[in-house]
PDB file of N, CA and C in Angstrom:
ATOM      1  N   MET A   1       0.847  -1.160   0.000  1.00  0.00           N
ATOM      2  CA  MET A   1       0.000   0.000   0.000  1.00  0.00           C
ATOM      3  C   MET A   1       0.902   1.235   0.000  1.00  0.00           C
ATOM      4  N   PHE A   2       0.471   2.269  -0.697  1.00  0.00           N
ATOM      5  CA  PHE A   2       1.225   3.512  -0.793  1.00  0.00           C
ATOM      6  C   PHE A   2       0.319   4.685  -0.463  1.00  0.00           C
ATOM      7  N   LEU A   3       0.745   5.500   0.473  1.00  0.00           N
ATOM      8  CA  LEU A   3      -0.003   6.690   0.856  1.00  0.00           C
ATOM      9  C   LEU A   3       0.476   7.848  -0.014  1.00  0.00           C
ATOM     10  N   LYS A   4      -0.407   8.391  -0.816  1.00  0.00           N
ATOM     11  CA  LYS A   4      -0.052   9.491  -1.707  1.00  0.00           C
ATOM     12  C   LYS A   4      -0.232  10.850  -1.047  1.00  0.00           C
ATOM     13  N   LYS A   5      -1.309  11.002  -0.271  1.00  0.00           N
ATOM     14  CA  LYS A   5      -1.628  12.302   0.302  1.00  0.00           C
ATOM     15  C   LYS A   5      -2.278  12.116   1.665  1.00  0.00           C
ATOM     16  N   LEU A   6      -1.954  13.017   2.586  1.00  0.00           N
ATOM     17  CA  LEU A   6      -2.555  13.023   3.912  1.00  0.00           C
ATOM     18  C   LEU A   6      -3.024  14.440   4.193  1.00  0.00           C
ATOM     19  N   SER A   7      -4.278  14.601   4.546  1.00  0.00           N
ATOM     20  CA  SER A   7      -4.832  15.906   4.906  1.00  0.00           C
ATOM     21  C   SER A   7      -5.223  15.893   6.376  1.00  0.00           C
ATOM     22  N   LEU A   8      -4.752  16.893   7.100  1.00  0.00           N
ATOM     23  CA  LEU A   8      -5.046  17.013   8.524  1.00  0.00           C
ATOM     24  C   LEU A   8      -5.869  18.263   8.767  1.00  0.00           C
ATOM     25  N   HIS A   9      -6.839  18.147   9.642  1.00  0.00           N
ATOM     26  CA  HIS A   9      -7.683  19.281  10.009  1.00  0.00           C
ATOM     27  C   HIS A   9      -7.870  19.253  11.520  1.00  0.00           C
ATOM     28  N   SER A  10      -7.374  20.278  12.213  1.00  0.00           N
ATOM     29  CA  SER A  10      -7.453  20.391  13.676  1.00  0.00           C
ATOM     30  C   SER A  10      -6.814  19.206  14.383  1.00  0.00           C
ATOM     31  N   PHE A  11      -5.694  18.753  13.878  1.00  0.00           N
ATOM     32  CA  PHE A  11      -4.950  17.653  14.489  1.00  0.00           C
ATOM     33  C   PHE A  11      -3.698  18.220  15.141  1.00  0.00           C
ATOM     34  N   ARG A  12      -3.605  18.105  16.464  1.00  0.00           N
ATOM     35  CA  ARG A  12      -2.486  18.643  17.241  1.00  0.00           C
ATOM     36  C   ARG A  12      -2.241  20.099  16.884  1.00  0.00           C
ATOM     37  N   ASN A  13      -1.075  20.436  16.327  1.00  0.00           N
ATOM     38  CA  ASN A  13      -0.781  21.843  16.033  1.00  0.00           C
ATOM     39  C   ASN A  13      -1.100  22.228  14.584  1.00  0.00           C
ATOM     40  N   TYR A  14      -1.757  21.366  13.840  1.00  0.00           N
ATOM     41  CA  TYR A  14      -2.147  21.658  12.459  1.00  0.00           C
ATOM     42  C   TYR A  14      -3.600  22.107  12.402  1.00  0.00           C
ATOM     43  N   LYS A  15      -3.844  23.307  11.907  1.00  0.00           N
ATOM     44  CA  LYS A  15      -5.227  23.745  11.699  1.00  0.00           C
ATOM     45  C   LYS A  15      -5.785  23.079  10.453  1.00  0.00           C
ATOM     46  N   LYS A  16      -5.084  23.232   9.338  1.00  0.00           N
ATOM     47  CA  LYS A  16      -5.472  22.602   8.085  1.00  0.00           C
ATOM     48  C   LYS A  16      -4.221  22.484   7.232  1.00  0.00           C
ATOM     49  N   GLU A  17      -3.837  21.244   6.911  1.00  0.00           N
ATOM     50  CA  GLU A  17      -2.600  21.023   6.171  1.00  0.00           C
ATOM     51  C   GLU A  17      -2.710  19.746   5.354  1.00  0.00           C
ATOM     52  N   SER A  18      -2.066  19.740   4.204  1.00  0.00           N
ATOM     53  CA  SER A  18      -2.017  18.556   3.346  1.00  0.00           C
ATOM     54  C   SER A  18      -0.567  18.221   3.039  1.00  0.00           C
ATOM     55  N   PHE A  19      -0.280  16.944   2.989  1.00  0.00           N
ATOM     56  CA  PHE A  19       1.065  16.450   2.685  1.00  0.00           C
ATOM     57  C   PHE A  19       0.973  15.465   1.526  1.00  0.00           C
ATOM     58  N   CYS A  20       1.867  15.603   0.568  1.00  0.00           N
ATOM     59  CA  CYS A  20       1.970  14.670  -0.550  1.00  0.00           C
ATOM     60  C   CYS A  20       3.251  13.876  -0.379  1.00  0.00           C
ATOM     61  N   PHE A  21       3.171  12.576  -0.592  1.00  0.00           N
ATOM     62  CA  PHE A  21       4.305  11.695  -0.374  1.00  0.00           C
ATOM     63  C   PHE A  21       4.778  11.074  -1.678  1.00  0.00           C
ATOM     64  N   SER A  22       6.073  10.847  -1.748  1.00  0.00           N
ATOM     65  CA  SER A  22       6.707  10.209  -2.895  1.00  0.00           C
ATOM     66  C   SER A  22       6.696   8.700  -2.684  1.00  0.00           C
ATOM     67  N   PRO A  23       6.649   7.922  -3.764  1.00  0.00           N
ATOM     68  CA  PRO A  23       6.740   6.469  -3.593  1.00  0.00           C
ATOM     69  C   PRO A  23       8.150   6.029  -3.194  1.00  0.00           C
ATOM     70  N   ASP A  24       9.110   6.945  -3.304  1.00  0.00           N
ATOM     71  CA  ASP A  24      10.488   6.648  -2.919  1.00  0.00           C
ATOM     72  C   ASP A  24      10.700   7.049  -1.453  1.00  0.00           C
ATOM     73  N   VAL A  25      11.799   7.652  -1.149  1.00  0.00           N
ATOM     74  CA  VAL A  25      12.134   8.063   0.213  1.00  0.00           C
ATOM     75  C   VAL A  25      11.544   9.443   0.494  1.00  0.00           C
ATOM     76  N   ASN A  26      11.003   9.622   1.686  1.00  0.00           N
ATOM     77  CA  ASN A  26      10.455  10.908   2.123  1.00  0.00           C
ATOM     78  C   ASN A  26      11.199  11.367   3.365  1.00  0.00           C
ATOM     79  N   PHE A  27      11.630  12.614   3.356  1.00  0.00           N
ATOM     80  CA  PHE A  27      12.320  13.199   4.502  1.00  0.00           C
ATOM     81  C   PHE A  27      11.399  14.197   5.180  1.00  0.00           C
ATOM     82  N   ILE A  28      11.364  14.138   6.495  1.00  0.00           N
ATOM     83  CA  ILE A  28      10.590  15.095   7.280  1.00  0.00           C
ATOM     84  C   ILE A  28      11.600  15.906   8.082  1.00  0.00           C
ATOM     85  N   HIS A  29      11.655  17.191   7.809  1.00  0.00           N
ATOM     86  CA  HIS A  29      12.616  18.034   8.506  1.00  0.00           C
ATOM     87  C   HIS A  29      11.995  19.386   8.816  1.00  0.00           C
ATOM     88  N   GLY A  30      12.535  20.046   9.799  1.00  0.00           N
ATOM     89  CA  GLY A  30      12.059  21.363  10.204  1.00  0.00           C
ATOM     90  C   GLY A  30      12.634  21.734  11.552  1.00  0.00           C
ATOM     91  N   LYS A  31      12.379  22.948  11.960  1.00  0.00           N
ATOM     92  CA  LYS A  31      12.853  23.428  13.257  1.00  0.00           C
ATOM     93  C   LYS A  31      12.051  22.782  14.382  1.00  0.00           C
ATOM     94  N   ASN A  32      12.476  23.036  15.602  1.00  0.00           N
ATOM     95  CA  ASN A  32      11.756  22.527  16.777  1.00  0.00           C
ATOM     96  C   ASN A  32      10.338  23.091  16.808  1.00  0.00           C
ATOM     97  N   ALA A  33       9.402  22.276  17.249  1.00  0.00           N
ATOM     98  CA  ALA A  33       7.991  22.660  17.421  1.00  0.00           C
ATOM     99  C   ALA A  33       7.315  23.067  16.114  1.00  0.00           C
ATOM    100  N   GLN A  34       7.720  22.451  15.016  1.00  0.00           N
ATOM    101  CA  GLN A  34       7.112  22.747  13.719  1.00  0.00           C
ATOM    102  C   GLN A  34       6.098  21.687  13.287  1.00  0.00           C
ATOM    103  N   GLY A  35       5.991  20.591  14.035  1.00  0.00           N
ATOM    104  CA  GLY A  35       4.973  19.589  13.746  1.00  0.00           C
ATOM    105  C   GLY A  35       5.479  18.286  13.157  1.00  0.00           C
ATOM    106  N   LYS A  36       6.774  18.027  13.217  1.00  0.00           N
ATOM    107  CA  LYS A  36       7.316  16.789  12.662  1.00  0.00           C
ATOM    108  C   LYS A  36       6.762  15.564  13.386  1.00  0.00           C
ATOM    109  N   THR A  37       6.796  15.600  14.706  1.00  0.00           N
ATOM    110  CA  THR A  37       6.292  14.469  15.489  1.00  0.00           C
ATOM    111  C   THR A  37       4.780  14.345  15.351  1.00  0.00           C
ATOM    112  N   SER A  38       4.089  15.461  15.226  1.00  0.00           N
ATOM    113  CA  SER A  38       2.632  15.418  15.031  1.00  0.00           C
ATOM    114  C   SER A  38       2.277  14.757  13.704  1.00  0.00           C
ATOM    115  N   LEU A  39       3.075  15.004  12.679  1.00  0.00           N
ATOM    116  CA  LEU A  39       2.850  14.347  11.384  1.00  0.00           C
ATOM    117  C   LEU A  39       3.067  12.848  11.510  1.00  0.00           C
ATOM    118  N   LEU A  40       4.132  12.452  12.179  1.00  0.00           N
ATOM    119  CA  LEU A  40       4.382  11.024  12.390  1.00  0.00           C
ATOM    120  C   LEU A  40       3.280  10.388  13.233  1.00  0.00           C
ATOM    121  N   GLU A  41       2.799  11.122  14.212  1.00  0.00           N
ATOM    122  CA  GLU A  41       1.702  10.623  15.050  1.00  0.00           C
ATOM    123  C   GLU A  41       0.427  10.446  14.220  1.00  0.00           C
ATOM    124  N   ALA A  42       0.163  11.362  13.309  1.00  0.00           N
ATOM    125  CA  ALA A  42      -1.014  11.244  12.438  1.00  0.00           C
ATOM    126  C   ALA A  42      -0.902  10.011  11.550  1.00  0.00           C
ATOM    127  N   LEU A  43       0.276   9.754  11.017  1.00  0.00           N
ATOM    128  CA  LEU A  43       0.484   8.555  10.198  1.00  0.00           C
ATOM    129  C   LEU A  43       0.309   7.292  11.032  1.00  0.00           C
ATOM    130  N   TYR A  44       0.858   7.283  12.216  1.00  0.00           N
ATOM    131  CA  TYR A  44       0.728   6.150  13.129  1.00  0.00           C
ATOM    132  C   TYR A  44      -0.742   5.915  13.477  1.00  0.00           C
ATOM    133  N   PHE A  45      -1.453   7.001  13.772  1.00  0.00           N
ATOM    134  CA  PHE A  45      -2.872   6.900  14.114  1.00  0.00           C
ATOM    135  C   PHE A  45      -3.673   6.332  12.948  1.00  0.00           C
ATOM    136  N   LEU A  46      -3.337   6.749  11.737  1.00  0.00           N
ATOM    137  CA  LEU A  46      -4.007   6.241  10.539  1.00  0.00           C
ATOM    138  C   LEU A  46      -3.793   4.738  10.376  1.00  0.00           C
ATOM    139  N   ILE A  47      -2.584   4.284  10.639  1.00  0.00           N
ATOM    140  CA  ILE A  47      -2.232   2.876  10.425  1.00  0.00           C
ATOM    141  C   ILE A  47      -2.681   1.986  11.588  1.00  0.00           C
ATOM    142  N   ILE A  48      -2.398   2.398  12.822  1.00  0.00           N
ATOM    143  CA  ILE A  48      -2.636   1.563  13.999  1.00  0.00           C
ATOM    144  C   ILE A  48      -3.995   1.818  14.645  1.00  0.00           C
ATOM    145  N   GLY A  49      -4.476   3.060  14.563  1.00  0.00           N
ATOM    146  CA  GLY A  49      -5.768   3.389  15.162  1.00  0.00           C
ATOM    147  C   GLY A  49      -5.690   3.967  16.553  1.00  0.00           C
ATOM    148  N   ARG A  50      -4.472   4.257  17.004  1.00  0.00           N
ATOM    149  CA  ARG A  50      -4.289   4.893  18.303  1.00  0.00           C
ATOM    150  C   ARG A  50      -3.004   5.703  18.255  1.00  0.00           C
ATOM    151  N   SER A  51      -2.824   6.568  19.234  1.00  0.00           N
ATOM    152  CA  SER A  51      -1.640   7.416  19.303  1.00  0.00           C
ATOM    153  C   SER A  51      -0.523   6.718  20.051  1.00  0.00           C
ATOM    154  N   PHE A  52       0.716   7.021  19.706  1.00  0.00           N
ATOM    155  CA  PHE A  52       1.853   6.520  20.478  1.00  0.00           C
ATOM    156  C   PHE A  52       2.236   7.484  21.600  1.00  0.00           C
ATOM    157  N   ARG A  53       1.589   8.658  21.649  1.00  0.00           N
ATOM    158  CA  ARG A  53       1.916   9.668  22.647  1.00  0.00           C
ATOM    159  C   ARG A  53       0.901   9.750  23.782  1.00  0.00           C
ATOM    160  N   THR A  54      -0.339   9.385  23.534  1.00  0.00           N
ATOM    161  CA  THR A  54      -1.381   9.501  24.548  1.00  0.00           C
ATOM    162  C   THR A  54      -2.409   8.389  24.362  1.00  0.00           C
ATOM    163  N   LYS A  55      -3.092   8.045  25.445  1.00  0.00           N
ATOM    164  CA  LYS A  55      -4.167   7.055  25.318  1.00  0.00           C
ATOM    165  C   LYS A  55      -5.520   7.725  25.144  1.00  0.00           C
ATOM    166  N   PHE A  56      -5.557   9.063  25.237  1.00  0.00           N
ATOM    167  CA  PHE A  56      -6.803   9.800  25.102  1.00  0.00           C
ATOM    168  C   PHE A  56      -6.889  10.441  23.713  1.00  0.00           C
ATOM    169  N   THR A  57      -7.781   9.955  22.875  1.00  0.00           N
ATOM    170  CA  THR A  57      -7.938  10.458  21.518  1.00  0.00           C
ATOM    171  C   THR A  57      -8.329  11.926  21.505  1.00  0.00           C
ATOM    172  N   LYS A  58      -9.059  12.376  22.510  1.00  0.00           N
ATOM    173  CA  LYS A  58      -9.498  13.773  22.546  1.00  0.00           C
ATOM    174  C   LYS A  58      -8.315  14.735  22.618  1.00  0.00           C
ATOM    175  N   GLU A  59      -7.151  14.284  23.065  1.00  0.00           N
ATOM    176  CA  GLU A  59      -5.978  15.138  23.122  1.00  0.00           C
ATOM    177  C   GLU A  59      -5.373  15.419  21.745  1.00  0.00           C
ATOM    178  N   LEU A  60      -5.787  14.669  20.733  1.00  0.00           N
ATOM    179  CA  LEU A  60      -5.289  14.864  19.381  1.00  0.00           C
ATOM    180  C   LEU A  60      -5.961  16.022  18.666  1.00  0.00           C
ATOM    181  N   ILE A  61      -7.135  16.395  19.149  1.00  0.00           N
ATOM    182  CA  ILE A  61      -7.928  17.448  18.501  1.00  0.00           C
ATOM    183  C   ILE A  61      -7.556  18.800  19.096  1.00  0.00           C
ATOM    184  N   GLN A  62      -7.348  19.781  18.223  1.00  0.00           N
ATOM    185  CA  GLN A  62      -7.025  21.134  18.670  1.00  0.00           C
ATOM    186  C   GLN A  62      -8.142  21.733  19.507  1.00  0.00           C
ATOM    187  N   PHE A  63      -7.763  22.518  20.485  1.00  0.00           N
ATOM    188  CA  PHE A  63      -8.743  23.274  21.256  1.00  0.00           C
ATOM    189  C   PHE A  63      -9.235  24.445  20.418  1.00  0.00           C
ATOM    190  N   ASN A  64     -10.453  24.920  20.685  1.00  0.00           N
ATOM    191  CA  ASN A  64     -11.087  26.037  19.980  1.00  0.00           C
ATOM    192  C   ASN A  64     -11.343  25.687  18.540  1.00  0.00           C
TER     193      ASN A  64
END
């Protein structure tokens, strides 16, 4: 299976964002607190159905 695109809405620190992935190697880089781990958590949640950071799903949704 190949994930081509991931769209996030009110997930952790993302208000609304889309990511496109290559079938080859994908690099995730950025400064501290830019959302790298949140993106990985979203992918993990999509595949496994739960977070690796918290057991409470409500913590994944942005406040307000």
